[in-house]
Amino acid sequence: MKLFECQHCGLLVYFENTVCERCGYALGFLPDVAQMTALKPNGDGIFTPLADKSLTVSYCANFEHGTCNWLVDKPGELCRACVLNRTIPDLPENLRRWQRIEVAKHRLVYSLLRLGLPVESKTEAPETGIAFDFLAPPPGEDGQGKILTGHDNGEITLNVIEAEDAVREKIRENMHEPYRTLLGHFRHEIAHYYFERLVKGRPGYALFLATFGDETTDYGEALKKHYANGAPPDWRDNHITSYASAHPHEDWAETFAHYLHMIDTLETAYAFGLRVRPRAGQDDNLAASVSFDPYTRKDFETIIDAWLPVTFAVNSINRSMGIDDLYPFVISPAVIEKLRVVHDIVRSKGAKAASVKEAAERPSFAGSVASRSA
């Protein structure tokens, strides 16, 4: 994520802010230019963004719920992130959960737009678009086993109970996961979508098969085997997580999610001018200067060379606070090559995303039936 500032007073502001804490100016996000802006009110819900005074904008219609600060052309419209929603949970009892979910989803969409990936709703593109369904279990229930987080032909379902930190942590422990977050869920599930848009039947498909394996092997049976027997003892040699070893589709999804983890975290490091220079040891591989924008960097080697020192440093900082590692994963040489393949496919946009006609002619993959977060 970038660093943003209030154009009126220069205060650094967060991506989710709606008001500058110093000068009181309203703030909003311009998705077309990936820029937070201070807003000069013109009346009737219309503003002039100080980042571009030639424009007039309004808040997304979901601003009234405290779930969005993105800007649109006219009052009452939904922004590029909120238009992707097909189902939201019943309000007001699930409002806080929905707000937390939208924080993560908006950060996901930010990354997708920065990478130039196709982001369309099912309304705009019924065959190839995205639809988010945020479903809530009955009061007093967690919905586990009934509402499954997963993907099917662009339809991404999330159990809103995952927005409860205590519940999500309990699930993480029960599933023996080192990491489970709302943002991780979104990054994992969107990976299944982009497999259909950028990989299946596209020029990168042969590279996918050579790297991740035969995705036509029975998915349901593979998951049953994984849950019954666990991952193979040597899974770390070839996979970023144990779940990635279950099936090539999950290997792709976990690796894709970790690629987004890397890119967005390194953008933050770049925005802060982060340099890592250990004052002990003699390992030059743990020194790095994040002096590049990872969203536009074509050279993957530079990205991975910076990622390893940064994660070692931030993990060490977390341990100084008695907190679990920020990035509790070991990246093997084989995983680095898988990340490189994801990078190449994403940067080529799958040699142009699948057309509506092509997508309609292909059988869909019913994605992660009982998804685990990357």
Protein backbone atom coordinates (compact mmCIF):
# COMPACT_ATOMS: atom_id res chain seq x y z
CA MET A 1 0.00 0.00 0.00
CA LYS A 2 1.14 3.53 -0.78
CA LEU A 3 1.52 6.32 1.72
CA PHE A 4 -1.08 9.04 1.33
CA GLU A 5 -1.33 12.62 2.53
CA CYS A 6 -3.95 15.29 2.99
CA GLN A 7 -3.43 17.82 0.18
CA HIS A 8 -4.78 20.59 2.40
CA CYS A 9 -2.35 20.29 5.34
CA GLY A 10 0.18 17.60 4.40
CA LEU A 11 -0.68 15.14 7.20
CA LEU A 12 -0.04 11.48 6.38
CA VAL A 13 -3.35 9.61 6.28
CA TYR A 14 -4.46 6.00 6.09
CA PHE A 15 -6.17 4.32 3.15
CA GLU A 16 -9.39 3.96 5.18
CA ASN A 17 -9.53 7.53 6.57
CA THR A 18 -12.55 9.71 5.79
CA VAL A 19 -11.47 12.84 7.69
CA CYS A 20 -8.07 14.45 8.19
CA GLU A 21 -7.34 14.44 11.93
CA ARG A 22 -5.35 17.68 11.67
CA CYS A 23 -7.38 20.04 9.47
CA GLY A 24 -10.77 18.34 9.41
CA TYR A 25 -11.02 18.10 5.62
CA ALA A 26 -13.03 15.20 4.25
CA LEU A 27 -10.95 12.49 2.57
CA GLY A 28 -11.73 9.97 -0.13
CA PHE A 29 -10.01 7.57 -2.52
CA LEU A 30 -9.81 8.08 -6.29
CA PRO A 31 -9.55 4.51 -7.64
CA ASP A 32 -8.66 5.46 -11.22
CA VAL A 33 -5.42 7.08 -10.05
CA ALA A 34 -4.96 5.14 -6.78
CA GLN A 35 -4.81 8.36 -4.79
CA MET A 36 -6.30 9.56 -1.51
CA THR A 37 -7.50 13.13 -1.76
CA ALA A 38 -8.75 15.92 0.46
CA LEU A 39 -12.20 17.09 -0.59
CA LYS A 40 -13.60 20.60 -0.88
CA PRO A 41 -17.40 20.51 -0.41
CA ASN A 42 -19.59 22.02 -3.12
CA GLY A 43 -22.94 21.13 -1.55
CA ASP A 44 -25.47 18.36 -2.22
CA GLY A 45 -22.87 15.64 -1.62
CA ILE A 46 -20.58 16.87 -4.40
CA PHE A 47 -16.90 17.64 -3.83
CA THR A 48 -13.85 18.96 -5.63
CA PRO A 49 -10.84 16.70 -4.98
CA LEU A 50 -7.73 18.72 -4.18
CA ALA A 51 -5.66 16.02 -5.90
CA ASP A 52 -7.33 17.01 -9.19
CA LYS A 53 -9.39 20.20 -9.08
CA SER A 54 -10.71 19.61 -12.60
CA LEU A 55 -12.98 16.87 -11.25
CA THR A 56 -16.20 16.79 -9.26
CA VAL A 57 -16.89 13.65 -7.26
CA SER A 58 -19.17 12.12 -4.64
CA TYR A 59 -18.78 9.35 -2.11
CA CYS A 60 -19.78 5.80 -3.02
CA ALA A 61 -23.35 4.98 -1.94
CA ASN A 62 -21.95 2.65 0.74
CA PHE A 63 -20.26 5.57 2.48
CA GLU A 64 -23.41 6.00 4.57
CA HIS A 65 -22.80 2.57 6.12
CA GLY A 66 -19.20 3.35 7.04
CA THR A 67 -17.97 0.64 4.68
CA CYS A 68 -16.42 2.70 1.88
CA ASN A 69 -14.56 5.95 1.27
CA TRP A 70 -14.05 5.54 -2.47
CA LEU A 71 -15.21 8.25 -4.85
CA VAL A 72 -17.57 8.10 -7.81
CA ASP A 73 -18.78 10.51 -10.49
CA LYS A 74 -22.32 11.06 -9.20
CA PRO A 75 -24.19 10.71 -5.89
CA GLY A 76 -25.86 7.34 -5.39
CA GLU A 77 -23.41 5.35 -7.51
CA LEU A 78 -21.39 2.38 -6.27
CA CYS A 79 -17.61 2.49 -6.61
CA ARG A 80 -15.41 0.00 -8.44
CA ALA A 81 -15.04 -2.09 -5.28
CA CYS A 82 -18.61 -2.03 -3.98
CA VAL A 83 -20.21 -2.78 -7.35
CA LEU A 84 -18.66 -6.25 -7.02
CA ASN A 85 -20.92 -7.08 -4.05
CA ARG A 86 -23.93 -9.25 -4.83
CA THR A 87 -24.98 -10.15 -1.28
CA ILE A 88 -24.30 -8.31 1.96
CA PRO A 89 -25.29 -9.55 5.42
CA ASP A 90 -28.43 -8.41 7.18
CA LEU A 91 -28.03 -5.03 8.84
CA PRO A 92 -27.67 -3.64 11.43
CA GLU A 93 -26.69 -6.76 13.39
CA ASN A 94 -23.84 -7.56 10.99
CA LEU A 95 -22.75 -4.00 10.23
CA ARG A 96 -19.47 -4.14 12.13
CA ARG A 97 -18.57 -7.45 10.51
CA TRP A 98 -19.36 -6.06 7.07
CA GLN A 99 -17.23 -2.99 7.76
CA ARG A 100 -14.25 -5.17 8.65
CA ILE A 101 -14.78 -7.30 5.56
CA GLU A 102 -14.87 -4.23 3.34
CA VAL A 103 -11.56 -2.97 4.72
CA ALA A 104 -9.94 -6.18 3.51
CA LYS A 105 -11.86 -6.32 0.23
CA HIS A 106 -11.01 -2.72 -0.69
CA ARG A 107 -7.33 -3.46 -0.09
CA LEU A 108 -7.64 -6.45 -2.39
CA VAL A 109 -9.27 -4.41 -5.14
CA TYR A 110 -6.61 -1.72 -4.74
CA SER A 111 -3.96 -4.36 -5.53
CA LEU A 112 -5.86 -5.75 -8.50
CA LEU A 113 -6.27 -2.30 -10.01
CA ARG A 114 -2.63 -1.44 -9.41
CA LEU A 115 -1.61 -4.62 -11.22
CA GLY A 116 -3.93 -3.79 -14.11
CA LEU A 117 -5.88 -7.02 -13.75
CA PRO A 118 -9.44 -7.26 -15.08
CA VAL A 119 -11.91 -6.22 -12.36
CA GLU A 120 -15.53 -6.47 -13.53
CA SER A 121 -18.77 -7.22 -11.72
CA LYS A 122 -21.24 -9.91 -12.74
CA THR A 123 -23.59 -7.08 -13.70
CA GLU A 124 -21.02 -5.70 -16.14
CA ALA A 125 -19.80 -9.09 -17.37
CA PRO A 126 -22.20 -11.92 -16.41
CA GLU A 127 -19.95 -14.69 -17.75
CA THR A 128 -16.56 -13.47 -16.58
CA GLY A 129 -17.19 -11.00 -13.78
CA ILE A 130 -16.82 -11.16 -10.00
CA ALA A 131 -19.62 -11.39 -7.43
CA PHE A 132 -19.01 -11.31 -3.68
CA ASP A 133 -21.56 -12.98 -1.42
CA PHE A 134 -21.07 -12.15 2.26
CA LEU A 135 -23.33 -14.58 4.10
CA ALA A 136 -24.25 -14.58 7.78
CA PRO A 137 -25.25 -17.63 9.84
CA PRO A 138 -28.36 -17.53 12.04
CA PRO A 139 -27.89 -15.69 15.36
CA GLY A 140 -25.94 -17.80 17.85
CA GLU A 141 -24.39 -20.02 15.17
CA ASP A 142 -21.05 -19.76 13.40
CA GLY A 143 -22.21 -21.39 10.17
CA GLN A 144 -19.10 -23.56 9.91
CA GLY A 145 -19.87 -26.46 7.59
CA LYS A 146 -22.95 -24.67 6.22
CA ILE A 147 -21.53 -21.43 4.83
CA LEU A 148 -18.28 -22.30 3.12
CA THR A 149 -15.80 -19.68 2.06
CA GLY A 150 -14.91 -20.47 -1.52
CA HIS A 151 -15.01 -19.66 -5.23
CA ASP A 152 -17.10 -20.88 -8.15
CA ASN A 153 -16.92 -19.23 -11.59
CA GLY A 154 -16.26 -15.75 -10.26
CA GLU A 155 -18.68 -16.09 -7.34
CA ILE A 156 -16.76 -15.64 -4.08
CA THR A 157 -18.51 -16.56 -0.85
CA LEU A 158 -17.34 -15.49 2.60
CA ASN A 159 -18.85 -16.45 5.95
CA VAL A 160 -19.07 -13.12 7.77
CA ILE A 161 -18.30 -14.85 11.08
CA GLU A 162 -14.68 -14.73 9.85
CA ALA A 163 -14.78 -11.01 10.68
CA GLU A 164 -14.85 -11.96 14.37
CA ASP A 165 -11.22 -12.16 15.46
CA ALA A 166 -11.81 -14.71 18.22
CA VAL A 167 -13.78 -17.02 15.94
CA ARG A 168 -11.25 -16.77 13.13
CA GLU A 169 -8.39 -17.48 15.54
CA LYS A 170 -10.19 -20.56 16.84
CA ILE A 171 -10.65 -21.80 13.28
CA ARG A 172 -6.98 -21.12 12.55
CA GLU A 173 -5.89 -23.19 15.53
CA ASN A 174 -8.28 -26.03 14.70
CA MET A 175 -6.95 -26.17 11.15
CA HIS A 176 -3.32 -25.87 12.29
CA GLU A 177 -2.71 -22.79 10.16
CA PRO A 178 0.11 -20.32 10.83
CA TYR A 179 -1.90 -17.44 9.36
CA ARG A 180 -5.57 -16.67 8.73
CA THR A 181 -6.92 -13.20 7.91
CA LEU A 182 -9.78 -11.68 5.96
CA LEU A 183 -7.32 -10.23 3.46
CA GLY A 184 -5.70 -13.63 3.10
CA HIS A 185 -9.09 -15.16 2.32
CA PHE A 186 -9.76 -12.60 -0.40
CA ARG A 187 -6.32 -13.00 -1.95
CA HIS A 188 -6.70 -16.78 -1.99
CA GLU A 189 -10.19 -16.87 -3.48
CA ILE A 190 -9.49 -14.25 -6.14
CA ALA A 191 -6.59 -16.45 -7.25
CA HIS A 192 -9.08 -19.15 -8.29
CA TYR A 193 -10.94 -16.52 -10.30
CA TYR A 194 -7.80 -15.38 -12.10
CA PHE A 195 -6.87 -18.96 -12.88
CA GLU A 196 -10.02 -19.00 -15.02
CA ARG A 197 -9.39 -15.54 -16.49
CA LEU A 198 -5.62 -15.59 -17.03
CA VAL A 199 -4.45 -19.21 -17.12
CA LYS A 200 -6.99 -21.81 -18.25
CA GLY A 201 -6.88 -22.06 -22.03
CA ARG A 202 -4.42 -19.18 -22.26
CA PRO A 203 -0.75 -19.08 -23.36
CA GLY A 204 0.41 -19.50 -19.75
CA TYR A 205 -1.47 -22.77 -19.23
CA ALA A 206 1.42 -24.98 -20.32
CA LEU A 207 3.68 -23.14 -17.90
CA PHE A 208 1.09 -23.68 -15.15
CA LEU A 209 0.98 -27.43 -15.83
CA ALA A 210 4.76 -27.71 -15.81
CA THR A 211 5.01 -25.75 -12.56
CA PHE A 212 1.96 -26.69 -10.47
CA GLY A 213 0.93 -30.04 -11.97
CA ASP A 214 -2.15 -31.51 -13.61
CA GLU A 215 -5.16 -29.49 -12.47
CA THR A 216 -7.58 -32.02 -13.97
CA THR A 217 -6.94 -34.55 -11.20
CA ASP A 218 -10.03 -35.07 -9.04
CA TYR A 219 -10.29 -32.03 -6.78
CA GLY A 220 -12.78 -33.45 -4.29
CA GLU A 221 -10.83 -36.65 -3.80
CA ALA A 222 -7.60 -34.70 -3.40
CA LEU A 223 -9.11 -32.62 -0.59
CA LYS A 224 -10.54 -35.69 1.14
CA LYS A 225 -7.11 -37.30 1.04
CA HIS A 226 -5.48 -34.14 2.36
CA TYR A 227 -7.86 -33.80 5.30
CA ALA A 228 -7.61 -37.51 6.11
CA ASN A 229 -3.84 -37.91 5.82
CA GLY A 230 -2.41 -34.41 5.99
CA ALA A 231 0.37 -33.03 3.84
CA PRO A 232 3.38 -35.13 2.85
CA PRO A 233 6.35 -34.81 5.23
CA ASP A 234 8.43 -32.92 2.65
CA TRP A 235 5.72 -30.44 1.63
CA ARG A 236 7.92 -27.45 2.58
CA ASP A 237 10.35 -28.37 -0.18
CA ASN A 238 7.81 -27.58 -2.89
CA HIS A 239 4.88 -25.65 -1.40
CA ILE A 240 4.34 -22.38 0.45
CA THR A 241 1.79 -23.97 2.83
CA SER A 242 0.72 -27.50 3.68
CA TYR A 243 -2.68 -26.82 2.11
CA ALA A 244 -0.98 -25.93 -1.16
CA SER A 245 0.13 -29.57 -1.42
CA ALA A 246 -3.49 -30.77 -1.60
CA HIS A 247 -4.10 -30.04 -5.30
CA PRO A 248 -2.58 -27.92 -8.10
CA HIS A 249 -5.51 -25.48 -7.85
CA GLU A 250 -4.77 -24.86 -4.19
CA ASP A 251 -1.05 -24.64 -4.90
CA TRP A 252 -1.78 -21.89 -7.44
CA ALA A 253 -4.19 -20.09 -5.10
CA GLU A 254 -1.85 -20.15 -2.11
CA THR A 255 1.12 -19.05 -4.21
CA PHE A 256 -0.89 -16.28 -5.90
CA ALA A 257 -2.08 -15.03 -2.50
CA HIS A 258 1.48 -14.93 -1.21
CA TYR A 259 2.53 -13.03 -4.31
CA LEU A 260 -0.04 -10.36 -3.41
CA HIS A 261 1.22 -10.41 0.19
CA MET A 262 4.72 -9.71 -1.12
CA ILE A 263 3.84 -6.98 -3.58
CA ASP A 264 1.61 -4.96 -1.27
CA THR A 265 3.92 -5.25 1.74
CA LEU A 266 6.93 -4.25 -0.34
CA GLU A 267 5.02 -1.24 -1.65
CA THR A 268 4.60 -0.12 1.96
CA ALA A 269 8.30 -0.68 2.57
CA TYR A 270 9.06 1.34 -0.58
CA ALA A 271 6.77 4.16 0.55
CA PHE A 272 8.66 4.37 3.84
CA GLY A 273 12.07 4.20 2.16
CA LEU A 274 12.89 1.03 4.09
CA ARG A 275 16.49 -0.20 4.12
CA VAL A 276 17.63 -3.35 5.88
CA ARG A 277 21.28 -3.43 6.95
CA PRO A 278 21.88 -5.98 9.75
CA ARG A 279 24.61 -4.93 12.18
CA ALA A 280 25.52 -8.55 12.87
CA GLY A 281 26.32 -11.57 10.76
CA GLN A 282 27.96 -11.79 7.37
CA ASP A 283 25.03 -12.68 5.13
CA ASP A 284 24.71 -10.20 2.28
CA ASN A 285 21.38 -11.80 1.36
CA LEU A 286 19.82 -10.17 4.44
CA ALA A 287 20.61 -6.65 3.25
CA ALA A 288 18.19 -4.79 1.02
CA SER A 289 17.01 -1.35 0.02
CA VAL A 290 13.41 -1.25 -1.19
CA SER A 291 13.96 1.52 -3.71
CA PHE A 292 11.44 0.39 -6.33
CA ASP A 293 7.67 0.17 -6.79
CA PRO A 294 6.90 -3.58 -6.78
CA TYR A 295 3.60 -3.06 -8.59
CA THR A 296 5.44 -1.86 -11.68
CA ARG A 297 8.63 -3.89 -11.35
CA LYS A 298 9.02 -6.40 -14.17
CA ASP A 299 12.14 -8.05 -12.75
CA PHE A 300 11.01 -10.68 -10.23
CA GLU A 301 14.54 -11.22 -8.94
CA THR A 302 14.59 -7.74 -7.44
CA ILE A 303 11.28 -8.39 -5.69
CA ILE A 304 12.25 -11.68 -4.06
CA ASP A 305 15.71 -10.38 -3.15
CA ALA A 306 14.06 -7.59 -1.16
CA TRP A 307 11.27 -9.73 0.31
CA LEU A 308 13.48 -12.13 2.25
CA PRO A 309 15.43 -9.45 4.19
CA VAL A 310 12.28 -7.41 4.87
CA THR A 311 10.40 -10.38 6.32
CA PHE A 312 13.38 -11.38 8.47
CA ALA A 313 13.51 -7.84 9.85
CA VAL A 314 9.79 -7.46 10.55
CA ASN A 315 9.60 -10.93 12.07
CA SER A 316 12.41 -9.92 14.42
CA ILE A 317 10.55 -6.72 15.36
CA ASN A 318 7.40 -8.70 16.10
CA ARG A 319 9.33 -11.07 18.35
CA SER A 320 10.65 -8.08 20.27
CA MET A 321 7.02 -7.27 21.08
CA GLY A 322 6.12 -10.84 21.97
CA ILE A 323 3.98 -11.15 18.84
CA ASP A 324 3.93 -14.04 16.37
CA ASP A 325 5.94 -13.60 13.18
CA LEU A 326 4.33 -11.27 10.66
CA TYR A 327 5.28 -13.70 7.89
CA PRO A 328 5.57 -17.21 9.37
CA PHE A 329 6.55 -18.99 6.17
CA VAL A 330 9.74 -20.40 4.68
CA ILE A 331 10.18 -19.89 0.95
CA SER A 332 12.09 -22.75 -0.68
CA PRO A 333 13.81 -22.48 -4.08
CA ALA A 334 10.92 -24.42 -5.66
CA VAL A 335 8.39 -21.98 -4.20
CA ILE A 336 10.43 -19.05 -5.49
CA GLU A 337 10.08 -20.48 -8.98
CA LYS A 338 6.32 -20.84 -8.50
CA LEU A 339 6.10 -17.23 -7.36
CA ARG A 340 8.08 -16.26 -10.45
CA VAL A 341 5.53 -18.03 -12.66
CA VAL A 342 2.67 -16.18 -10.94
CA HIS A 343 4.59 -12.94 -11.46
CA ASP A 344 5.09 -13.65 -15.16
CA ILE A 345 1.44 -14.58 -15.73
CA VAL A 346 0.11 -11.58 -13.79
CA ARG A 347 2.43 -9.17 -15.58
CA SER A 348 1.41 -10.55 -18.97
CA LYS A 349 -2.28 -10.46 -17.86
CA GLY A 350 -2.51 -14.01 -19.18
CA ALA A 351 -1.57 -12.64 -22.63
CA LYS A 352 -4.89 -10.74 -22.43
CA ALA A 353 -7.70 -11.96 -20.18
CA ALA A 354 -10.18 -14.48 -21.50
CA SER A 355 -13.00 -13.01 -23.53
CA VAL A 356 -16.64 -13.45 -22.58
CA LYS A 357 -17.13 -15.94 -25.43
CA GLU A 358 -14.06 -18.00 -24.52
CA ALA A 359 -15.03 -18.12 -20.86
CA ALA A 360 -18.58 -19.19 -21.69
CA GLU A 361 -17.25 -22.10 -23.75
CA ARG A 362 -15.02 -23.43 -20.96
CA PRO A 363 -16.18 -25.62 -18.07
CA SER A 364 -15.85 -23.78 -14.77
CA PHE A 365 -13.83 -24.94 -11.79
CA ALA A 366 -15.79 -24.99 -8.54
CA GLY A 367 -13.08 -23.57 -6.32
CA SER A 368 -11.95 -24.11 -2.78
CA VAL A 369 -14.86 -25.92 -1.20
CA ALA A 370 -13.49 -25.54 2.29
CA SER A 371 -10.98 -22.84 1.70
CA ARG A 372 -8.08 -22.12 3.97
CA SER A 373 -6.57 -18.69 4.08
CA ALA A 374 -3.21 -18.05 2.48
